[in-house]
Amino acid sequence: MIWGAMSFKGTDGVYFLPPRSTTNSEQYLLKSKLVLYMKVHNCDVFIHDGVPCHRKKVVKNFLKQKPIKMLEWPRNSPDLNPTENLWNFTKKKVSEKHPSNLDALQTAIKKVWVRDITPDYCCKLMDSMPRHLQAVIKNKCGHTKY
């Protein structure tokens, strides 16, 4: 599993959890990285991507104890989540490098994370959210505004 974060200011470091890691590893990363990252980036709202361990009780309880606002996200709407779009971009760029083993894969991911994902790109992803949501509303309801 890989953990990383993004905001309007760009990305944070990307961290690799050991194979077959548990929810405790995820909780550790949230404790040691998320709160600090949110302070540095002046963020107060957190959005998970669709990874199942984010819905675990221990993770939810940890987040409830922190001064972090959670934006609840429908499980079946990954295309609207800027984090999912960031990971798709990362996967595309990494696949272009054709890593042949785990070390090469992790190195490629780190390079993409640092070199290819700019603060400007992160801003574009975040700024696209209202437009994407409006398109879904229009498509589902036939309305352009509520």
N, C-alpha and C. Protein backbone atom coordinates (compact mmCIF):
# COMPACT_ATOMS: atom_id res chain seq x y z
N MET A 1 0.85 -1.17 0.00
CA MET A 1 0.00 0.00 0.00
C MET A 1 0.90 1.24 0.00
N ILE A 2 0.40 2.26 -0.66
CA ILE A 2 1.12 3.53 -0.74
C ILE A 2 0.26 4.59 -0.07
N TRP A 3 0.88 5.49 0.66
CA TRP A 3 0.17 6.60 1.28
C TRP A 3 0.82 7.90 0.83
N GLY A 4 -0.02 8.83 0.44
CA GLY A 4 0.44 10.17 0.09
C GLY A 4 -0.73 11.12 0.25
N ALA A 5 -0.44 12.39 0.22
CA ALA A 5 -1.50 13.37 0.39
C ALA A 5 -1.28 14.52 -0.59
N MET A 6 -2.37 15.22 -0.89
CA MET A 6 -2.29 16.38 -1.76
C MET A 6 -3.19 17.48 -1.24
N SER A 7 -2.87 18.71 -1.61
CA SER A 7 -3.70 19.87 -1.31
C SER A 7 -3.51 20.86 -2.46
N PHE A 8 -4.09 22.04 -2.31
CA PHE A 8 -3.88 23.09 -3.31
C PHE A 8 -2.40 23.46 -3.41
N LYS A 9 -1.64 23.19 -2.35
CA LYS A 9 -0.22 23.55 -2.34
C LYS A 9 0.68 22.47 -2.93
N GLY A 10 0.14 21.33 -3.27
CA GLY A 10 0.93 20.25 -3.85
C GLY A 10 0.81 18.97 -3.06
N THR A 11 1.78 18.09 -3.26
CA THR A 11 1.76 16.79 -2.60
C THR A 11 2.68 16.78 -1.39
N ASP A 12 2.46 15.79 -0.55
CA ASP A 12 3.36 15.50 0.56
C ASP A 12 4.22 14.32 0.12
N GLY A 13 5.14 13.91 0.97
CA GLY A 13 5.93 12.73 0.65
C GLY A 13 5.03 11.54 0.41
N VAL A 14 5.55 10.59 -0.31
CA VAL A 14 4.82 9.37 -0.57
C VAL A 14 5.49 8.27 0.27
N TYR A 15 4.67 7.45 0.93
CA TYR A 15 5.17 6.46 1.87
C TYR A 15 4.67 5.07 1.46
N PHE A 16 5.54 4.09 1.57
CA PHE A 16 5.22 2.73 1.20
C PHE A 16 5.05 1.90 2.45
N LEU A 17 3.89 1.30 2.62
CA LEU A 17 3.67 0.41 3.75
C LEU A 17 4.20 -0.97 3.39
N PRO A 18 4.67 -1.71 4.38
CA PRO A 18 5.19 -3.05 4.10
C PRO A 18 4.09 -3.95 3.53
N PRO A 19 4.48 -4.95 2.72
CA PRO A 19 3.49 -5.90 2.21
C PRO A 19 2.68 -6.51 3.35
N ARG A 20 1.42 -6.73 3.08
CA ARG A 20 0.49 -7.32 4.04
C ARG A 20 0.41 -6.52 5.34
N SER A 21 0.59 -5.21 5.22
CA SER A 21 0.49 -4.38 6.43
C SER A 21 -0.96 -4.32 6.89
N THR A 22 -1.13 -3.98 8.14
CA THR A 22 -2.46 -3.97 8.74
C THR A 22 -3.00 -2.55 8.83
N THR A 23 -4.22 -2.45 9.28
CA THR A 23 -4.84 -1.15 9.50
C THR A 23 -4.02 -0.35 10.50
N ASN A 24 -3.33 -1.03 11.41
CA ASN A 24 -2.49 -0.31 12.37
C ASN A 24 -1.41 0.50 11.66
N SER A 25 -0.90 -0.02 10.54
CA SER A 25 0.09 0.73 9.76
C SER A 25 -0.55 1.98 9.18
N GLU A 26 -1.76 1.83 8.68
CA GLU A 26 -2.48 2.99 8.15
C GLU A 26 -2.72 4.00 9.25
N GLN A 27 -3.13 3.53 10.41
CA GLN A 27 -3.37 4.43 11.53
C GLN A 27 -2.07 5.13 11.93
N TYR A 28 -0.96 4.42 11.91
CA TYR A 28 0.32 5.02 12.23
C TYR A 28 0.63 6.16 11.26
N LEU A 29 0.42 5.93 9.98
CA LEU A 29 0.69 6.98 8.99
C LEU A 29 -0.22 8.17 9.21
N LEU A 30 -1.46 7.91 9.51
CA LEU A 30 -2.36 9.03 9.78
C LEU A 30 -1.88 9.82 10.99
N LYS A 31 -1.48 9.11 12.03
CA LYS A 31 -1.01 9.79 13.24
C LYS A 31 0.28 10.56 12.99
N SER A 32 1.22 9.94 12.28
CA SER A 32 2.54 10.55 12.15
C SER A 32 2.65 11.51 10.96
N LYS A 33 1.82 11.37 9.97
CA LYS A 33 1.98 12.18 8.75
C LYS A 33 0.81 13.12 8.49
N LEU A 34 -0.42 12.63 8.62
CA LEU A 34 -1.58 13.41 8.20
C LEU A 34 -1.74 14.71 8.97
N VAL A 35 -1.72 14.64 10.28
CA VAL A 35 -1.96 15.83 11.09
C VAL A 35 -0.90 16.90 10.80
N LEU A 36 0.36 16.49 10.73
CA LEU A 36 1.43 17.42 10.40
C LEU A 36 1.25 17.99 8.99
N TYR A 37 0.97 17.13 8.04
CA TYR A 37 0.77 17.57 6.66
C TYR A 37 -0.35 18.62 6.58
N MET A 38 -1.44 18.36 7.27
CA MET A 38 -2.57 19.29 7.22
C MET A 38 -2.20 20.63 7.83
N LYS A 39 -1.38 20.63 8.88
CA LYS A 39 -0.92 21.89 9.46
C LYS A 39 -0.02 22.65 8.50
N VAL A 40 0.94 21.96 7.91
CA VAL A 40 1.88 22.59 6.98
C VAL A 40 1.14 23.16 5.76
N HIS A 41 0.15 22.46 5.28
CA HIS A 41 -0.60 22.88 4.09
C HIS A 41 -1.83 23.72 4.43
N ASN A 42 -2.01 24.00 5.70
CA ASN A 42 -3.14 24.81 6.15
C ASN A 42 -4.47 24.24 5.67
N CYS A 43 -4.65 22.94 5.87
CA CYS A 43 -5.87 22.25 5.47
C CYS A 43 -6.67 21.88 6.71
N ASP A 44 -7.97 21.87 6.56
CA ASP A 44 -8.79 21.39 7.66
C ASP A 44 -9.85 20.39 7.21
N VAL A 45 -9.87 20.02 5.92
CA VAL A 45 -10.81 19.04 5.40
C VAL A 45 -10.01 17.90 4.78
N PHE A 46 -10.42 16.69 5.09
CA PHE A 46 -9.72 15.49 4.62
C PHE A 46 -10.68 14.64 3.81
N ILE A 47 -10.19 14.15 2.65
CA ILE A 47 -10.96 13.23 1.80
C ILE A 47 -10.12 11.98 1.61
N HIS A 48 -10.69 10.83 1.90
CA HIS A 48 -10.03 9.55 1.62
C HIS A 48 -10.24 9.19 0.16
N ASP A 49 -9.40 8.29 -0.33
CA ASP A 49 -9.73 7.66 -1.60
C ASP A 49 -10.51 6.39 -1.27
N GLY A 50 -10.69 5.51 -2.21
CA GLY A 50 -11.59 4.37 -2.03
C GLY A 50 -10.98 3.13 -1.40
N VAL A 51 -9.82 3.23 -0.78
CA VAL A 51 -9.18 2.05 -0.20
C VAL A 51 -10.01 1.54 0.98
N PRO A 52 -10.32 0.23 1.02
CA PRO A 52 -11.18 -0.32 2.08
C PRO A 52 -10.70 -0.05 3.50
N CYS A 53 -9.39 -0.03 3.74
CA CYS A 53 -8.91 0.16 5.12
C CYS A 53 -9.29 1.54 5.66
N HIS A 54 -9.61 2.49 4.80
CA HIS A 54 -10.02 3.81 5.27
C HIS A 54 -11.38 3.77 5.95
N ARG A 55 -12.13 2.73 5.68
CA ARG A 55 -13.47 2.60 6.29
C ARG A 55 -13.45 1.77 7.57
N LYS A 56 -12.27 1.33 7.97
CA LYS A 56 -12.14 0.53 9.19
C LYS A 56 -12.48 1.38 10.41
N LYS A 57 -13.04 0.73 11.41
CA LYS A 57 -13.46 1.42 12.63
C LYS A 57 -12.31 2.13 13.32
N VAL A 58 -11.14 1.51 13.38
CA VAL A 58 -10.00 2.10 14.08
C VAL A 58 -9.57 3.41 13.40
N VAL A 59 -9.64 3.45 12.08
CA VAL A 59 -9.28 4.66 11.35
C VAL A 59 -10.33 5.73 11.58
N LYS A 60 -11.61 5.36 11.48
CA LYS A 60 -12.69 6.33 11.71
C LYS A 60 -12.62 6.91 13.12
N ASN A 61 -12.36 6.06 14.11
CA ASN A 61 -12.26 6.54 15.49
C ASN A 61 -11.08 7.50 15.66
N PHE A 62 -9.95 7.18 15.05
CA PHE A 62 -8.80 8.07 15.12
C PHE A 62 -9.15 9.44 14.56
N LEU A 63 -9.77 9.46 13.40
CA LEU A 63 -10.09 10.74 12.75
C LEU A 63 -11.13 11.54 13.53
N LYS A 64 -12.05 10.86 14.21
CA LYS A 64 -13.04 11.56 15.03
C LYS A 64 -12.41 12.30 16.20
N GLN A 65 -11.27 11.81 16.66
CA GLN A 65 -10.59 12.41 17.82
C GLN A 65 -9.75 13.62 17.43
N LYS A 66 -9.60 13.89 16.15
CA LYS A 66 -8.72 14.97 15.69
C LYS A 66 -9.56 16.14 15.18
N PRO A 67 -8.94 17.34 15.16
CA PRO A 67 -9.67 18.50 14.64
C PRO A 67 -9.65 18.51 13.11
N ILE A 68 -10.13 17.42 12.54
CA ILE A 68 -10.13 17.25 11.09
C ILE A 68 -11.57 17.06 10.62
N LYS A 69 -11.97 17.85 9.66
CA LYS A 69 -13.29 17.68 9.07
C LYS A 69 -13.17 16.64 7.96
N MET A 70 -14.06 15.67 7.97
CA MET A 70 -14.07 14.64 6.94
C MET A 70 -15.13 14.99 5.90
N LEU A 71 -14.76 14.94 4.66
CA LEU A 71 -15.71 15.08 3.57
C LEU A 71 -16.12 13.68 3.18
N GLU A 72 -17.35 13.32 3.49
CA GLU A 72 -17.82 11.98 3.16
C GLU A 72 -17.93 11.86 1.64
N TRP A 73 -17.46 10.77 1.12
CA TRP A 73 -17.39 10.59 -0.32
C TRP A 73 -18.08 9.29 -0.70
N PRO A 74 -19.00 9.32 -1.66
CA PRO A 74 -19.65 8.07 -2.07
C PRO A 74 -18.63 7.08 -2.61
N ARG A 75 -18.76 5.82 -2.23
CA ARG A 75 -17.79 4.80 -2.64
C ARG A 75 -17.74 4.62 -4.16
N ASN A 76 -18.84 4.81 -4.83
CA ASN A 76 -18.90 4.53 -6.25
C ASN A 76 -18.70 5.77 -7.11
N SER A 77 -17.98 6.76 -6.60
CA SER A 77 -17.74 8.00 -7.35
C SER A 77 -16.26 8.36 -7.37
N PRO A 78 -15.39 7.41 -7.70
CA PRO A 78 -13.97 7.73 -7.67
C PRO A 78 -13.56 8.78 -8.69
N ASP A 79 -14.30 8.89 -9.81
CA ASP A 79 -13.93 9.86 -10.83
C ASP A 79 -14.12 11.30 -10.36
N LEU A 80 -14.88 11.51 -9.31
CA LEU A 80 -15.09 12.85 -8.77
C LEU A 80 -14.07 13.22 -7.71
N ASN A 81 -13.36 12.25 -7.21
CA ASN A 81 -12.42 12.47 -6.12
C ASN A 81 -11.06 12.89 -6.70
N PRO A 82 -10.57 14.07 -6.38
CA PRO A 82 -9.29 14.50 -6.95
C PRO A 82 -8.12 13.59 -6.56
N THR A 83 -8.22 12.93 -5.42
CA THR A 83 -7.17 12.01 -5.01
C THR A 83 -7.09 10.82 -5.96
N GLU A 84 -8.24 10.30 -6.36
CA GLU A 84 -8.27 9.18 -7.30
C GLU A 84 -7.67 9.60 -8.63
N ASN A 85 -7.98 10.81 -9.08
CA ASN A 85 -7.41 11.30 -10.33
C ASN A 85 -5.90 11.46 -10.22
N LEU A 86 -5.42 11.88 -9.06
CA LEU A 86 -3.98 11.99 -8.82
C LEU A 86 -3.30 10.62 -8.91
N TRP A 87 -3.91 9.61 -8.30
CA TRP A 87 -3.33 8.27 -8.36
C TRP A 87 -3.36 7.72 -9.78
N ASN A 88 -4.43 7.99 -10.53
CA ASN A 88 -4.48 7.53 -11.92
C ASN A 88 -3.36 8.17 -12.75
N PHE A 89 -3.13 9.45 -12.55
CA PHE A 89 -2.05 10.16 -13.22
C PHE A 89 -0.70 9.52 -12.84
N THR A 90 -0.53 9.24 -11.56
CA THR A 90 0.71 8.62 -11.08
C THR A 90 0.92 7.27 -11.74
N LYS A 91 -0.12 6.45 -11.78
CA LYS A 91 -0.02 5.12 -12.39
C LYS A 91 0.37 5.22 -13.86
N LYS A 92 -0.23 6.16 -14.57
CA LYS A 92 0.08 6.33 -16.00
C LYS A 92 1.55 6.71 -16.19
N LYS A 93 2.01 7.68 -15.42
CA LYS A 93 3.40 8.13 -15.54
C LYS A 93 4.39 7.03 -15.15
N VAL A 94 4.07 6.29 -14.11
CA VAL A 94 4.96 5.21 -13.65
C VAL A 94 5.00 4.11 -14.70
N SER A 95 3.87 3.77 -15.29
CA SER A 95 3.86 2.69 -16.29
C SER A 95 4.70 3.04 -17.51
N GLU A 96 4.85 4.32 -17.81
CA GLU A 96 5.70 4.76 -18.92
C GLU A 96 7.18 4.45 -18.65
N LYS A 97 7.53 4.28 -17.39
CA LYS A 97 8.93 4.02 -17.01
C LYS A 97 9.26 2.52 -17.01
N HIS A 98 8.24 1.67 -17.12
CA HIS A 98 8.40 0.22 -17.19
C HIS A 98 9.27 -0.35 -16.06
N PRO A 99 8.92 -0.10 -14.80
CA PRO A 99 9.72 -0.67 -13.71
C PRO A 99 9.63 -2.19 -13.74
N SER A 100 10.74 -2.85 -13.42
CA SER A 100 10.79 -4.31 -13.55
C SER A 100 10.84 -5.05 -12.21
N ASN A 101 10.96 -4.31 -11.11
CA ASN A 101 10.94 -4.95 -9.79
C ASN A 101 10.42 -3.94 -8.77
N LEU A 102 10.28 -4.40 -7.53
CA LEU A 102 9.68 -3.55 -6.50
C LEU A 102 10.49 -2.28 -6.24
N ASP A 103 11.80 -2.40 -6.18
CA ASP A 103 12.64 -1.22 -5.94
C ASP A 103 12.50 -0.21 -7.07
N ALA A 104 12.50 -0.70 -8.32
CA ALA A 104 12.34 0.20 -9.47
C ALA A 104 10.96 0.85 -9.46
N LEU A 105 9.96 0.09 -9.05
CA LEU A 105 8.60 0.62 -8.97
C LEU A 105 8.52 1.74 -7.94
N GLN A 106 9.07 1.51 -6.75
CA GLN A 106 9.03 2.53 -5.71
C GLN A 106 9.83 3.76 -6.12
N THR A 107 10.95 3.57 -6.76
CA THR A 107 11.75 4.70 -7.23
C THR A 107 10.98 5.50 -8.28
N ALA A 108 10.34 4.80 -9.20
CA ALA A 108 9.56 5.48 -10.24
C ALA A 108 8.41 6.28 -9.63
N ILE A 109 7.74 5.70 -8.65
CA ILE A 109 6.63 6.40 -8.00
C ILE A 109 7.14 7.66 -7.31
N LYS A 110 8.24 7.54 -6.58
CA LYS A 110 8.81 8.71 -5.90
C LYS A 110 9.17 9.81 -6.89
N LYS A 111 9.78 9.45 -8.02
CA LYS A 111 10.16 10.44 -9.04
C LYS A 111 8.94 11.12 -9.62
N VAL A 112 7.91 10.37 -9.93
CA VAL A 112 6.68 10.97 -10.46
C VAL A 112 6.08 11.90 -9.42
N TRP A 113 6.04 11.45 -8.18
CA TRP A 113 5.44 12.22 -7.09
C TRP A 113 6.13 13.57 -6.91
N VAL A 114 7.46 13.57 -7.05
CA VAL A 114 8.25 14.78 -6.81
C VAL A 114 8.38 15.65 -8.08
N ARG A 115 8.58 15.02 -9.22
CA ARG A 115 8.88 15.77 -10.44
C ARG A 115 7.67 16.11 -11.29
N ASP A 116 6.72 15.20 -11.39
CA ASP A 116 5.61 15.38 -12.34
C ASP A 116 4.34 15.95 -11.73
N ILE A 117 4.18 15.80 -10.44
CA ILE A 117 2.96 16.31 -9.81
C ILE A 117 3.29 17.66 -9.19
N THR A 118 2.90 18.69 -9.87
CA THR A 118 3.22 20.05 -9.46
C THR A 118 2.09 20.63 -8.61
N PRO A 119 2.37 21.67 -7.84
CA PRO A 119 1.28 22.36 -7.13
C PRO A 119 0.20 22.85 -8.10
N ASP A 120 0.61 23.30 -9.28
CA ASP A 120 -0.36 23.76 -10.27
C ASP A 120 -1.29 22.62 -10.70
N TYR A 121 -0.73 21.44 -10.90
CA TYR A 121 -1.56 20.28 -11.26
C TYR A 121 -2.54 19.94 -10.13
N CYS A 122 -2.07 19.98 -8.89
CA CYS A 122 -2.94 19.70 -7.74
C CYS A 122 -4.07 20.72 -7.67
N CYS A 123 -3.76 22.00 -7.91
CA CYS A 123 -4.79 23.04 -7.92
C CYS A 123 -5.83 22.76 -8.99
N LYS A 124 -5.38 22.35 -10.17
CA LYS A 124 -6.32 22.05 -11.26
C LYS A 124 -7.25 20.91 -10.87
N LEU A 125 -6.69 19.88 -10.23
CA LEU A 125 -7.53 18.77 -9.77
C LEU A 125 -8.57 19.25 -8.76
N MET A 126 -8.14 20.03 -7.80
CA MET A 126 -9.06 20.51 -6.77
C MET A 126 -10.10 21.48 -7.36
N ASP A 127 -9.65 22.36 -8.24
CA ASP A 127 -10.57 23.33 -8.86
C ASP A 127 -11.59 22.67 -9.77
N SER A 128 -11.28 21.47 -10.26
CA SER A 128 -12.21 20.79 -11.17
C SER A 128 -13.41 20.17 -10.44
N MET A 129 -13.32 20.04 -9.13
CA MET A 129 -14.39 19.37 -8.39
C MET A 129 -15.77 19.98 -8.61
N PRO A 130 -15.94 21.31 -8.45
CA PRO A 130 -17.29 21.87 -8.65
C PRO A 130 -17.83 21.61 -10.06
N ARG A 131 -16.97 21.69 -11.06
CA ARG A 131 -17.40 21.46 -12.44
C ARG A 131 -17.85 20.00 -12.62
N HIS A 132 -17.09 19.07 -12.06
CA HIS A 132 -17.46 17.66 -12.17
C HIS A 132 -18.78 17.38 -11.43
N LEU A 133 -18.91 17.94 -10.25
CA LEU A 133 -20.15 17.74 -9.49
C LEU A 133 -21.36 18.33 -10.23
N GLN A 134 -21.19 19.50 -10.80
CA GLN A 134 -22.27 20.13 -11.56
C GLN A 134 -22.66 19.28 -12.77
N ALA A 135 -21.68 18.66 -13.42
CA ALA A 135 -21.96 17.79 -14.56
C ALA A 135 -22.75 16.56 -14.13
N VAL A 136 -22.42 16.00 -12.98
CA VAL A 136 -23.16 14.84 -12.47
C VAL A 136 -24.60 15.23 -12.17
N ILE A 137 -24.79 16.37 -11.51
CA ILE A 137 -26.15 16.83 -11.20
C ILE A 137 -26.94 17.05 -12.48
N LYS A 138 -26.33 17.69 -13.44
CA LYS A 138 -27.01 17.95 -14.72
C LYS A 138 -27.37 16.65 -15.42
N ASN A 139 -26.46 15.71 -15.41
CA ASN A 139 -26.67 14.42 -16.07
C ASN A 139 -27.76 13.61 -15.38
N LYS A 140 -27.75 13.60 -14.06
CA LYS A 140 -28.71 12.79 -13.30
C LYS A 140 -30.09 13.43 -13.23
N CYS A 141 -30.15 14.76 -13.12
CA CYS A 141 -31.42 15.42 -12.85
C CYS A 141 -31.93 16.29 -14.00
N GLY A 142 -31.08 16.54 -14.98
CA GLY A 142 -31.50 17.40 -16.06
C GLY A 142 -31.44 18.88 -15.73
N HIS A 143 -30.91 19.21 -14.55
CA HIS A 143 -30.78 20.60 -14.11
C HIS A 143 -29.33 21.04 -14.21
N THR A 144 -29.11 22.32 -14.42
CA THR A 144 -27.74 22.80 -14.38
C THR A 144 -27.38 23.37 -13.02
N LYS A 145 -28.36 23.79 -12.24
CA LYS A 145 -28.09 24.30 -10.90
C LYS A 145 -29.22 23.92 -9.97
N TYR A 146 -28.92 23.82 -8.69
CA TYR A 146 -29.94 23.56 -7.67
C TYR A 146 -30.28 24.84 -6.97
